[in-house]
Amino acid sequence: MKNDLLLINRLKLANTVDIYNVVLMWYFLLKMCIKRKT
């Protein structure tokens, strides 16, 4: 049971990191686009 909880927590952490990476990627892409326009 304890192992299952650890696994679930690890999956949640992995999902959070994935979302964070995607947000960062979009942020940098948008920054680059704005720099090109001005």
PDB file of N, CA and C in Angstrom:
ATOM      1  N   MET A   1       0.842  -1.204   0.000  1.00  0.00           N
ATOM      2  CA  MET A   1       0.000   0.000   0.000  1.00  0.00           C
ATOM      3  C   MET A   1       0.881   1.259   0.000  1.00  0.00           C
ATOM      4  N   LYS A   2       1.897   1.229   0.809  1.00  0.00           N
ATOM      5  CA  LYS A   2       2.791   2.391   0.872  1.00  0.00           C
ATOM      6  C   LYS A   2       3.463   2.619  -0.478  1.00  0.00           C
ATOM      7  N   ASN A   3       3.834   1.516  -1.132  1.00  0.00           N
ATOM      8  CA  ASN A   3       4.462   1.621  -2.454  1.00  0.00           C
ATOM      9  C   ASN A   3       3.512   2.251  -3.463  1.00  0.00           C
ATOM     10  N   ASP A   4       2.232   1.900  -3.383  1.00  0.00           N
ATOM     11  CA  ASP A   4       1.244   2.471  -4.305  1.00  0.00           C
ATOM     12  C   ASP A   4       1.159   3.985  -4.115  1.00  0.00           C
ATOM     13  N   LEU A   5       1.147   4.419  -2.868  1.00  0.00           N
ATOM     14  CA  LEU A   5       1.069   5.853  -2.594  1.00  0.00           C
ATOM     15  C   LEU A   5       2.312   6.562  -3.138  1.00  0.00           C
ATOM     16  N   LEU A   6       3.459   5.955  -2.951  1.00  0.00           N
ATOM     17  CA  LEU A   6       4.700   6.536  -3.482  1.00  0.00           C
ATOM     18  C   LEU A   6       4.626   6.673  -4.995  1.00  0.00           C
ATOM     19  N   LEU A   7       4.121   5.633  -5.638  1.00  0.00           N
ATOM     20  CA  LEU A   7       4.008   5.633  -7.095  1.00  0.00           C
ATOM     21  C   LEU A   7       3.065   6.742  -7.555  1.00  0.00           C
ATOM     22  N   ILE A   8       1.933   6.887  -6.871  1.00  0.00           N
ATOM     23  CA  ILE A   8       0.951   7.918  -7.234  1.00  0.00           C
ATOM     24  C   ILE A   8       1.577   9.305  -7.056  1.00  0.00           C
ATOM     25  N   ASN A   9       2.276   9.506  -5.947  1.00  0.00           N
ATOM     26  CA  ASN A   9       2.921  10.796  -5.703  1.00  0.00           C
ATOM     27  C   ASN A   9       3.963  11.082  -6.770  1.00  0.00           C
ATOM     28  N   ARG A  10       4.698  10.043  -7.180  1.00  0.00           N
ATOM     29  CA  ARG A  10       5.730  10.221  -8.205  1.00  0.00           C
ATOM     30  C   ARG A  10       5.101  10.596  -9.537  1.00  0.00           C
ATOM     31  N   LEU A  11       3.963   9.960  -9.843  1.00  0.00           N
ATOM     32  CA  LEU A  11       3.267  10.271 -11.095  1.00  0.00           C
ATOM     33  C   LEU A  11       2.748  11.704 -11.069  1.00  0.00           C
ATOM     34  N   LYS A  12       2.198  12.111  -9.925  1.00  0.00           N
ATOM     35  CA  LYS A  12       1.700  13.492  -9.809  1.00  0.00           C
ATOM     36  C   LYS A  12       2.852  14.469 -10.007  1.00  0.00           C
ATOM     37  N   LEU A  13       3.978  14.183  -9.402  1.00  0.00           N
ATOM     38  CA  LEU A  13       5.154  15.045  -9.527  1.00  0.00           C
ATOM     39  C   LEU A  13       5.610  15.116 -10.978  1.00  0.00           C
ATOM     40  N   ALA A  14       5.633  13.966 -11.646  1.00  0.00           N
ATOM     41  CA  ALA A  14       6.046  13.923 -13.045  1.00  0.00           C
ATOM     42  C   ALA A  14       5.098  14.760 -13.907  1.00  0.00           C
ATOM     43  N   ASN A  15       3.802  14.656 -13.655  1.00  0.00           N
ATOM     44  CA  ASN A  15       2.828  15.435 -14.417  1.00  0.00           C
ATOM     45  C   ASN A  15       3.034  16.920 -14.177  1.00  0.00           C
ATOM     46  N   THR A  16       3.304  17.299 -12.924  1.00  0.00           N
ATOM     47  CA  THR A  16       3.527  18.703 -12.595  1.00  0.00           C
ATOM     48  C   THR A  16       4.757  19.224 -13.323  1.00  0.00           C
ATOM     49  N   VAL A  17       5.801  18.433 -13.353  1.00  0.00           N
ATOM     50  CA  VAL A  17       7.043  18.836 -14.027  1.00  0.00           C
ATOM     51  C   VAL A  17       6.797  18.975 -15.527  1.00  0.00           C
ATOM     52  N   ASP A  18       6.037  18.045 -16.096  1.00  0.00           N
ATOM     53  CA  ASP A  18       5.726  18.106 -17.527  1.00  0.00           C
ATOM     54  C   ASP A  18       4.975  19.391 -17.855  1.00  0.00           C
ATOM     55  N   ILE A  19       3.965  19.718 -17.052  1.00  0.00           N
ATOM     56  CA  ILE A  19       3.183  20.933 -17.287  1.00  0.00           C
ATOM     57  C   ILE A  19       4.088  22.153 -17.161  1.00  0.00           C
ATOM     58  N   TYR A  20       4.963  22.156 -16.154  1.00  0.00           N
ATOM     59  CA  TYR A  20       5.881  23.263 -15.930  1.00  0.00           C
ATOM     60  C   TYR A  20       6.800  23.457 -17.140  1.00  0.00           C
ATOM     61  N   ASN A  21       7.335  22.330 -17.667  1.00  0.00           N
ATOM     62  CA  ASN A  21       8.216  22.406 -18.843  1.00  0.00           C
ATOM     63  C   ASN A  21       7.476  22.951 -20.053  1.00  0.00           C
ATOM     64  N   VAL A  22       6.230  22.519 -20.256  1.00  0.00           N
ATOM     65  CA  VAL A  22       5.440  22.992 -21.394  1.00  0.00           C
ATOM     66  C   VAL A  22       5.183  24.492 -21.261  1.00  0.00           C
ATOM     67  N   VAL A  23       4.836  24.928 -20.055  1.00  0.00           N
ATOM     68  CA  VAL A  23       4.582  26.358 -19.830  1.00  0.00           C
ATOM     69  C   VAL A  23       5.850  27.165 -20.106  1.00  0.00           C
ATOM     70  N   LEU A  24       6.974  26.673 -19.612  1.00  0.00           N
ATOM     71  CA  LEU A  24       8.246  27.366 -19.850  1.00  0.00           C
ATOM     72  C   LEU A  24       8.540  27.466 -21.342  1.00  0.00           C
ATOM     73  N   MET A  25       8.320  26.361 -22.057  1.00  0.00           N
ATOM     74  CA  MET A  25       8.574  26.331 -23.496  1.00  0.00           C
ATOM     75  C   MET A  25       7.728  27.385 -24.202  1.00  0.00           C
ATOM     76  N   TRP A  26       6.429  27.423 -23.879  1.00  0.00           N
ATOM     77  CA  TRP A  26       5.540  28.400 -24.507  1.00  0.00           C
ATOM     78  C   TRP A  26       5.965  29.823 -24.162  1.00  0.00           C
ATOM     79  N   TYR A  27       6.374  30.021 -22.906  1.00  0.00           N
ATOM     80  CA  TYR A  27       6.803  31.352 -22.468  1.00  0.00           C
ATOM     81  C   TYR A  27       7.988  31.843 -23.302  1.00  0.00           C
ATOM     82  N   PHE A  28       8.978  30.983 -23.495  1.00  0.00           N
ATOM     83  CA  PHE A  28      10.150  31.370 -24.283  1.00  0.00           C
ATOM     84  C   PHE A  28       9.787  31.584 -25.752  1.00  0.00           C
ATOM     85  N   LEU A  29       8.899  30.735 -26.278  1.00  0.00           N
ATOM     86  CA  LEU A  29       8.481  30.900 -27.674  1.00  0.00           C
ATOM     87  C   LEU A  29       7.781  32.244 -27.867  1.00  0.00           C
ATOM     88  N   LEU A  30       6.893  32.573 -26.947  1.00  0.00           N
ATOM     89  CA  LEU A  30       6.174  33.842 -27.048  1.00  0.00           C
ATOM     90  C   LEU A  30       7.137  35.018 -26.917  1.00  0.00           C
ATOM     91  N   LYS A  31       8.098  34.906 -25.997  1.00  0.00           N
ATOM     92  CA  LYS A  31       9.081  35.971 -25.833  1.00  0.00           C
ATOM     93  C   LYS A  31       9.874  36.185 -27.126  1.00  0.00           C
ATOM     94  N   MET A  32      10.262  35.084 -27.767  1.00  0.00           N
ATOM     95  CA  MET A  32      11.008  35.181 -29.019  1.00  0.00           C
ATOM     96  C   MET A  32      10.164  35.827 -30.113  1.00  0.00           C
ATOM     97  N   CYS A  33       8.907  35.465 -30.181  1.00  0.00           N
ATOM     98  CA  CYS A  33       8.010  36.038 -31.192  1.00  0.00           C
ATOM     99  C   CYS A  33       7.854  37.535 -30.976  1.00  0.00           C
ATOM    100  N   ILE A  34       7.708  37.942 -29.734  1.00  0.00           N
ATOM    101  CA  ILE A  34       7.524  39.359 -29.434  1.00  0.00           C
ATOM    102  C   ILE A  34       8.801  40.123 -29.794  1.00  0.00           C
ATOM    103  N   LYS A  35       9.955  39.521 -29.508  1.00  0.00           N
ATOM    104  CA  LYS A  35      11.222  40.185 -29.833  1.00  0.00           C
ATOM    105  C   LYS A  35      11.355  40.401 -31.332  1.00  0.00           C
ATOM    106  N   ARG A  36      10.920  39.429 -32.124  1.00  0.00           N
ATOM    107  CA  ARG A  36      11.034  39.549 -33.589  1.00  0.00           C
ATOM    108  C   ARG A  36      10.134  40.652 -34.125  1.00  0.00           C
ATOM    109  N   LYS A  37       8.951  40.801 -33.544  1.00  0.00           N
ATOM    110  CA  LYS A  37       7.988  41.797 -34.053  1.00  0.00           C
ATOM    111  C   LYS A  37       8.469  43.214 -33.799  1.00  0.00           C
ATOM    112  N   THR A  38       9.100  43.450 -32.643  1.00  0.00           N
ATOM    113  CA  THR A  38       9.516  44.815 -32.309  1.00  0.00           C
ATOM    114  C   THR A  38      10.899  45.122 -32.867  1.00  0.00           C
TER     115      THR A  38
END
